[in-house]
N, C-alpha and C. Protein backbone atom coordinates (compact mmCIF):
# COMPACT_ATOMS: atom_id res chain seq x y z
N UNK A 1 -37.77 42.40 -129.97
CA UNK A 1 -36.74 42.37 -130.97
C UNK A 1 -35.54 43.12 -130.42
N UNK A 2 -34.40 42.49 -130.45
CA UNK A 2 -33.22 43.08 -129.83
C UNK A 2 -32.79 44.37 -130.51
N UNK A 3 -32.58 44.36 -131.78
CA UNK A 3 -32.14 45.54 -132.52
C UNK A 3 -33.28 46.08 -133.35
N UNK A 4 -34.42 46.26 -132.72
CA UNK A 4 -35.61 46.63 -133.47
C UNK A 4 -35.50 48.01 -134.09
N UNK A 5 -36.08 48.10 -135.23
CA UNK A 5 -36.16 49.36 -135.94
C UNK A 5 -37.62 49.51 -136.33
N UNK A 6 -38.23 50.58 -135.84
CA UNK A 6 -39.64 50.80 -136.10
C UNK A 6 -39.77 51.91 -137.14
N UNK A 7 -40.67 51.68 -138.10
CA UNK A 7 -41.01 52.73 -139.05
C UNK A 7 -42.51 52.95 -138.96
N UNK A 8 -42.92 54.15 -139.28
CA UNK A 8 -44.34 54.48 -139.27
C UNK A 8 -44.73 54.94 -140.65
N UNK A 9 -45.72 54.28 -141.22
CA UNK A 9 -46.26 54.64 -142.52
C UNK A 9 -47.59 55.32 -142.33
N UNK A 10 -47.91 56.23 -143.20
CA UNK A 10 -49.21 56.88 -143.17
C UNK A 10 -50.06 56.26 -144.27
N UNK A 11 -51.22 55.75 -143.92
CA UNK A 11 -52.12 55.13 -144.88
C UNK A 11 -52.82 56.19 -145.72
N UNK A 12 -53.48 55.76 -146.78
CA UNK A 12 -54.25 56.68 -147.62
C UNK A 12 -55.36 57.37 -146.84
N UNK A 13 -55.81 56.72 -145.76
CA UNK A 13 -56.86 57.29 -144.92
C UNK A 13 -56.29 58.23 -143.86
N UNK A 14 -54.97 58.43 -143.84
CA UNK A 14 -54.34 59.34 -142.89
C UNK A 14 -54.00 58.72 -141.55
N UNK A 15 -54.15 57.42 -141.42
CA UNK A 15 -53.83 56.74 -140.17
C UNK A 15 -52.37 56.32 -140.16
N UNK A 16 -51.75 56.32 -138.97
CA UNK A 16 -50.37 55.86 -138.83
C UNK A 16 -50.35 54.36 -138.61
N UNK A 17 -49.42 53.70 -139.28
CA UNK A 17 -49.26 52.25 -139.18
C UNK A 17 -47.82 51.98 -138.76
N UNK A 18 -47.62 51.45 -137.54
CA UNK A 18 -46.29 51.12 -137.05
C UNK A 18 -45.91 49.73 -137.52
N UNK A 19 -44.71 49.64 -138.11
CA UNK A 19 -44.17 48.37 -138.58
C UNK A 19 -42.76 48.22 -138.05
N UNK A 20 -42.35 46.97 -137.84
CA UNK A 20 -41.06 46.68 -137.25
C UNK A 20 -40.21 45.91 -138.27
N UNK A 21 -39.01 46.42 -138.51
CA UNK A 21 -38.14 45.87 -139.55
C UNK A 21 -37.48 44.59 -139.06
N UNK A 22 -37.68 43.52 -139.81
CA UNK A 22 -37.04 42.24 -139.52
C UNK A 22 -35.72 42.10 -140.28
N UNK A 23 -35.71 42.59 -141.51
CA UNK A 23 -34.52 42.46 -142.36
C UNK A 23 -34.61 43.49 -143.47
N UNK A 24 -33.47 43.86 -144.00
CA UNK A 24 -33.45 44.76 -145.15
C UNK A 24 -32.37 44.30 -146.12
N UNK A 25 -32.57 44.62 -147.39
CA UNK A 25 -31.61 44.24 -148.42
C UNK A 25 -31.72 45.23 -149.57
N UNK A 26 -30.68 45.24 -150.39
CA UNK A 26 -30.65 46.09 -151.58
C UNK A 26 -30.41 45.18 -152.77
N UNK A 27 -31.30 45.28 -153.76
CA UNK A 27 -31.20 44.46 -154.97
C UNK A 27 -31.32 45.38 -156.17
N UNK A 28 -30.32 45.32 -157.04
CA UNK A 28 -30.30 46.16 -158.24
C UNK A 28 -30.53 47.64 -157.91
N UNK A 29 -29.94 48.11 -156.82
CA UNK A 29 -30.03 49.51 -156.45
C UNK A 29 -31.32 49.92 -155.76
N UNK A 30 -32.18 48.96 -155.46
CA UNK A 30 -33.46 49.25 -154.81
C UNK A 30 -33.45 48.64 -153.41
N UNK A 31 -33.84 49.45 -152.42
CA UNK A 31 -33.90 48.98 -151.04
C UNK A 31 -35.25 48.33 -150.75
N UNK A 32 -35.20 47.18 -150.08
CA UNK A 32 -36.40 46.46 -149.68
C UNK A 32 -36.35 46.20 -148.19
N UNK A 33 -37.50 46.23 -147.54
CA UNK A 33 -37.62 45.92 -146.12
C UNK A 33 -38.61 44.78 -145.93
N UNK A 34 -38.26 43.87 -145.05
CA UNK A 34 -39.21 42.86 -144.57
C UNK A 34 -39.66 43.36 -143.21
N UNK A 35 -40.95 43.63 -143.08
CA UNK A 35 -41.49 44.21 -141.85
C UNK A 35 -42.62 43.35 -141.31
N UNK A 36 -42.90 43.56 -140.03
CA UNK A 36 -44.02 42.88 -139.38
C UNK A 36 -44.83 43.91 -138.60
N UNK A 37 -46.07 43.57 -138.36
CA UNK A 37 -46.93 44.47 -137.58
C UNK A 37 -46.90 44.13 -136.10
N UNK A 38 -46.08 43.17 -135.70
CA UNK A 38 -46.04 42.70 -134.32
C UNK A 38 -44.69 43.04 -133.69
N UNK A 39 -44.71 43.80 -132.61
CA UNK A 39 -43.47 44.19 -131.93
C UNK A 39 -42.85 43.03 -131.17
N UNK A 40 -43.66 42.17 -130.59
CA UNK A 40 -43.18 41.04 -129.79
C UNK A 40 -42.74 39.92 -130.72
N UNK A 41 -41.45 39.55 -130.63
CA UNK A 41 -40.92 38.52 -131.53
C UNK A 41 -41.49 37.13 -131.24
N UNK A 42 -42.08 36.95 -130.09
CA UNK A 42 -42.69 35.65 -129.76
C UNK A 42 -44.09 35.51 -130.36
N UNK A 43 -44.69 36.61 -130.73
CA UNK A 43 -46.05 36.59 -131.26
C UNK A 43 -46.03 36.35 -132.77
N UNK A 44 -47.13 35.81 -133.27
CA UNK A 44 -47.29 35.61 -134.70
C UNK A 44 -47.84 36.90 -135.30
N UNK A 45 -47.07 37.49 -136.17
CA UNK A 45 -47.50 38.72 -136.82
C UNK A 45 -47.51 38.54 -138.32
N UNK A 46 -48.18 39.43 -139.00
CA UNK A 46 -48.18 39.42 -140.46
C UNK A 46 -46.91 40.09 -140.95
N UNK A 47 -46.35 39.56 -142.03
CA UNK A 47 -45.15 40.14 -142.64
C UNK A 47 -45.50 40.78 -143.97
N UNK A 48 -44.79 41.84 -144.28
CA UNK A 48 -44.97 42.56 -145.53
C UNK A 48 -43.60 42.90 -146.10
N UNK A 49 -43.54 43.05 -147.40
CA UNK A 49 -42.32 43.49 -148.05
C UNK A 49 -42.58 44.88 -148.61
N UNK A 50 -41.70 45.80 -148.24
CA UNK A 50 -41.80 47.18 -148.69
C UNK A 50 -40.66 47.50 -149.65
N UNK A 51 -40.95 48.36 -150.60
CA UNK A 51 -39.98 48.76 -151.61
C UNK A 51 -39.80 50.27 -151.53
N UNK A 52 -38.54 50.73 -151.49
CA UNK A 52 -38.25 52.16 -151.47
C UNK A 52 -38.39 52.71 -152.88
N UNK A 53 -39.36 53.58 -153.08
CA UNK A 53 -39.63 54.13 -154.42
C UNK A 53 -39.19 55.59 -154.54
N UNK A 54 -38.45 56.08 -153.54
CA UNK A 54 -37.99 57.46 -153.58
C UNK A 54 -36.82 57.60 -154.55
N UNK A 55 -36.59 58.84 -154.99
CA UNK A 55 -35.44 59.13 -155.85
C UNK A 55 -34.23 59.39 -154.97
N UNK A 56 -33.04 59.20 -155.53
CA UNK A 56 -31.79 59.33 -154.78
C UNK A 56 -31.64 60.70 -154.12
N UNK A 57 -32.14 61.74 -154.76
CA UNK A 57 -31.97 63.09 -154.22
C UNK A 57 -32.97 63.43 -153.12
N UNK A 58 -33.95 62.58 -152.88
CA UNK A 58 -34.93 62.82 -151.83
C UNK A 58 -34.35 62.45 -150.47
N UNK A 59 -34.60 63.30 -149.48
CA UNK A 59 -34.04 63.10 -148.15
C UNK A 59 -34.71 61.94 -147.40
N UNK A 60 -35.99 61.74 -147.63
CA UNK A 60 -36.72 60.68 -146.92
C UNK A 60 -37.10 59.56 -147.88
N UNK A 61 -37.09 58.35 -147.35
CA UNK A 61 -37.49 57.20 -148.14
C UNK A 61 -39.01 57.20 -148.31
N UNK A 62 -39.46 56.70 -149.42
CA UNK A 62 -40.89 56.55 -149.70
C UNK A 62 -41.13 55.07 -149.97
N UNK A 63 -41.77 54.40 -149.01
CA UNK A 63 -41.98 52.96 -149.12
C UNK A 63 -43.39 52.65 -149.58
N UNK A 64 -43.48 51.63 -150.43
CA UNK A 64 -44.76 51.10 -150.88
C UNK A 64 -44.73 49.59 -150.71
N UNK A 65 -45.90 49.02 -150.46
CA UNK A 65 -46.01 47.56 -150.36
C UNK A 65 -45.74 46.95 -151.74
N UNK A 66 -44.97 45.86 -151.75
CA UNK A 66 -44.75 45.13 -153.00
C UNK A 66 -46.02 44.36 -153.32
N UNK A 67 -46.63 44.69 -154.44
CA UNK A 67 -47.90 44.07 -154.81
C UNK A 67 -47.78 43.07 -155.95
N UNK A 68 -46.70 43.17 -156.73
CA UNK A 68 -46.50 42.24 -157.83
C UNK A 68 -46.18 40.86 -157.26
N UNK A 69 -46.99 39.85 -157.60
CA UNK A 69 -46.85 38.51 -157.03
C UNK A 69 -45.48 37.89 -157.32
N UNK A 70 -45.00 38.04 -158.52
CA UNK A 70 -43.70 37.46 -158.90
C UNK A 70 -42.57 38.12 -158.11
N UNK A 71 -42.59 39.44 -158.05
CA UNK A 71 -41.57 40.17 -157.30
C UNK A 71 -41.62 39.79 -155.81
N UNK A 72 -42.81 39.71 -155.27
CA UNK A 72 -42.97 39.36 -153.86
C UNK A 72 -42.45 37.95 -153.58
N UNK A 73 -42.74 37.01 -154.46
CA UNK A 73 -42.27 35.63 -154.28
C UNK A 73 -40.75 35.55 -154.32
N UNK A 74 -40.13 36.24 -155.27
CA UNK A 74 -38.67 36.26 -155.37
C UNK A 74 -38.05 36.88 -154.12
N UNK A 75 -38.62 37.98 -153.66
CA UNK A 75 -38.11 38.64 -152.46
C UNK A 75 -38.33 37.80 -151.22
N UNK A 76 -39.45 37.10 -151.15
CA UNK A 76 -39.72 36.20 -150.02
C UNK A 76 -38.62 35.15 -149.91
N UNK A 77 -38.22 34.59 -151.03
CA UNK A 77 -37.14 33.58 -151.04
C UNK A 77 -35.84 34.18 -150.53
N UNK A 78 -35.52 35.39 -150.98
CA UNK A 78 -34.28 36.05 -150.55
C UNK A 78 -34.32 36.33 -149.05
N UNK A 79 -35.42 36.87 -148.56
CA UNK A 79 -35.52 37.17 -147.13
C UNK A 79 -35.50 35.88 -146.30
N UNK A 80 -36.06 34.82 -146.80
CA UNK A 80 -36.02 33.54 -146.09
C UNK A 80 -34.58 33.08 -145.92
N UNK A 81 -33.78 33.22 -146.96
CA UNK A 81 -32.36 32.86 -146.88
C UNK A 81 -31.61 33.77 -145.91
N UNK A 82 -31.89 35.06 -145.96
CA UNK A 82 -31.22 36.00 -145.07
C UNK A 82 -31.54 35.73 -143.60
N UNK A 83 -32.74 35.27 -143.32
CA UNK A 83 -33.18 35.02 -141.95
C UNK A 83 -32.99 33.58 -141.51
N UNK A 84 -32.37 32.77 -142.35
CA UNK A 84 -32.23 31.35 -142.08
C UNK A 84 -31.56 31.05 -140.74
N UNK A 85 -30.59 31.86 -140.35
CA UNK A 85 -29.89 31.63 -139.08
C UNK A 85 -30.48 32.41 -137.92
N UNK A 86 -31.52 33.17 -138.16
CA UNK A 86 -32.09 34.01 -137.11
C UNK A 86 -33.18 33.33 -136.33
N UNK A 87 -33.80 34.09 -135.46
CA UNK A 87 -34.88 33.59 -134.60
C UNK A 87 -36.25 33.72 -135.25
N UNK A 88 -36.31 34.25 -136.47
CA UNK A 88 -37.58 34.50 -137.13
C UNK A 88 -37.88 33.37 -138.09
N UNK A 89 -39.08 32.85 -138.02
CA UNK A 89 -39.50 31.79 -138.93
C UNK A 89 -40.58 32.36 -139.85
N UNK A 90 -40.28 32.35 -141.15
CA UNK A 90 -41.26 32.85 -142.13
C UNK A 90 -42.10 31.72 -142.66
N UNK A 91 -43.38 31.95 -142.76
CA UNK A 91 -44.30 30.98 -143.36
C UNK A 91 -45.14 31.69 -144.39
N UNK A 92 -45.34 31.05 -145.50
CA UNK A 92 -46.12 31.63 -146.60
C UNK A 92 -47.57 31.39 -146.38
C-alpha cells in the first residue's frame, strides 16, 4: 500500500492485532475506518469497519468493530463509492 497507515488494536485477550487503513470517512461527527488484515495490496484480505467511540476530549481514539448489520451495510456502500476509483476491490 503506497500511503499505508497501520493501526494496532489490542484484543480482549491482550493480543495485538495489526490492521491497515484502506479508507476513512466522517459521518455525522463520527470517524469510521475501513481496514484490512493484509499488508500486501495484491493479496486477498478480510476487511472490517471500525468506529471511533472515544469522546472529543480524549487524546487517543478508541475503535470498535461495527457490529450492527444495518450500519455496516450502509457504511460498506459508502466505502465502496469512496474506493471506486482506487486499486481496491471490495466484495461482500
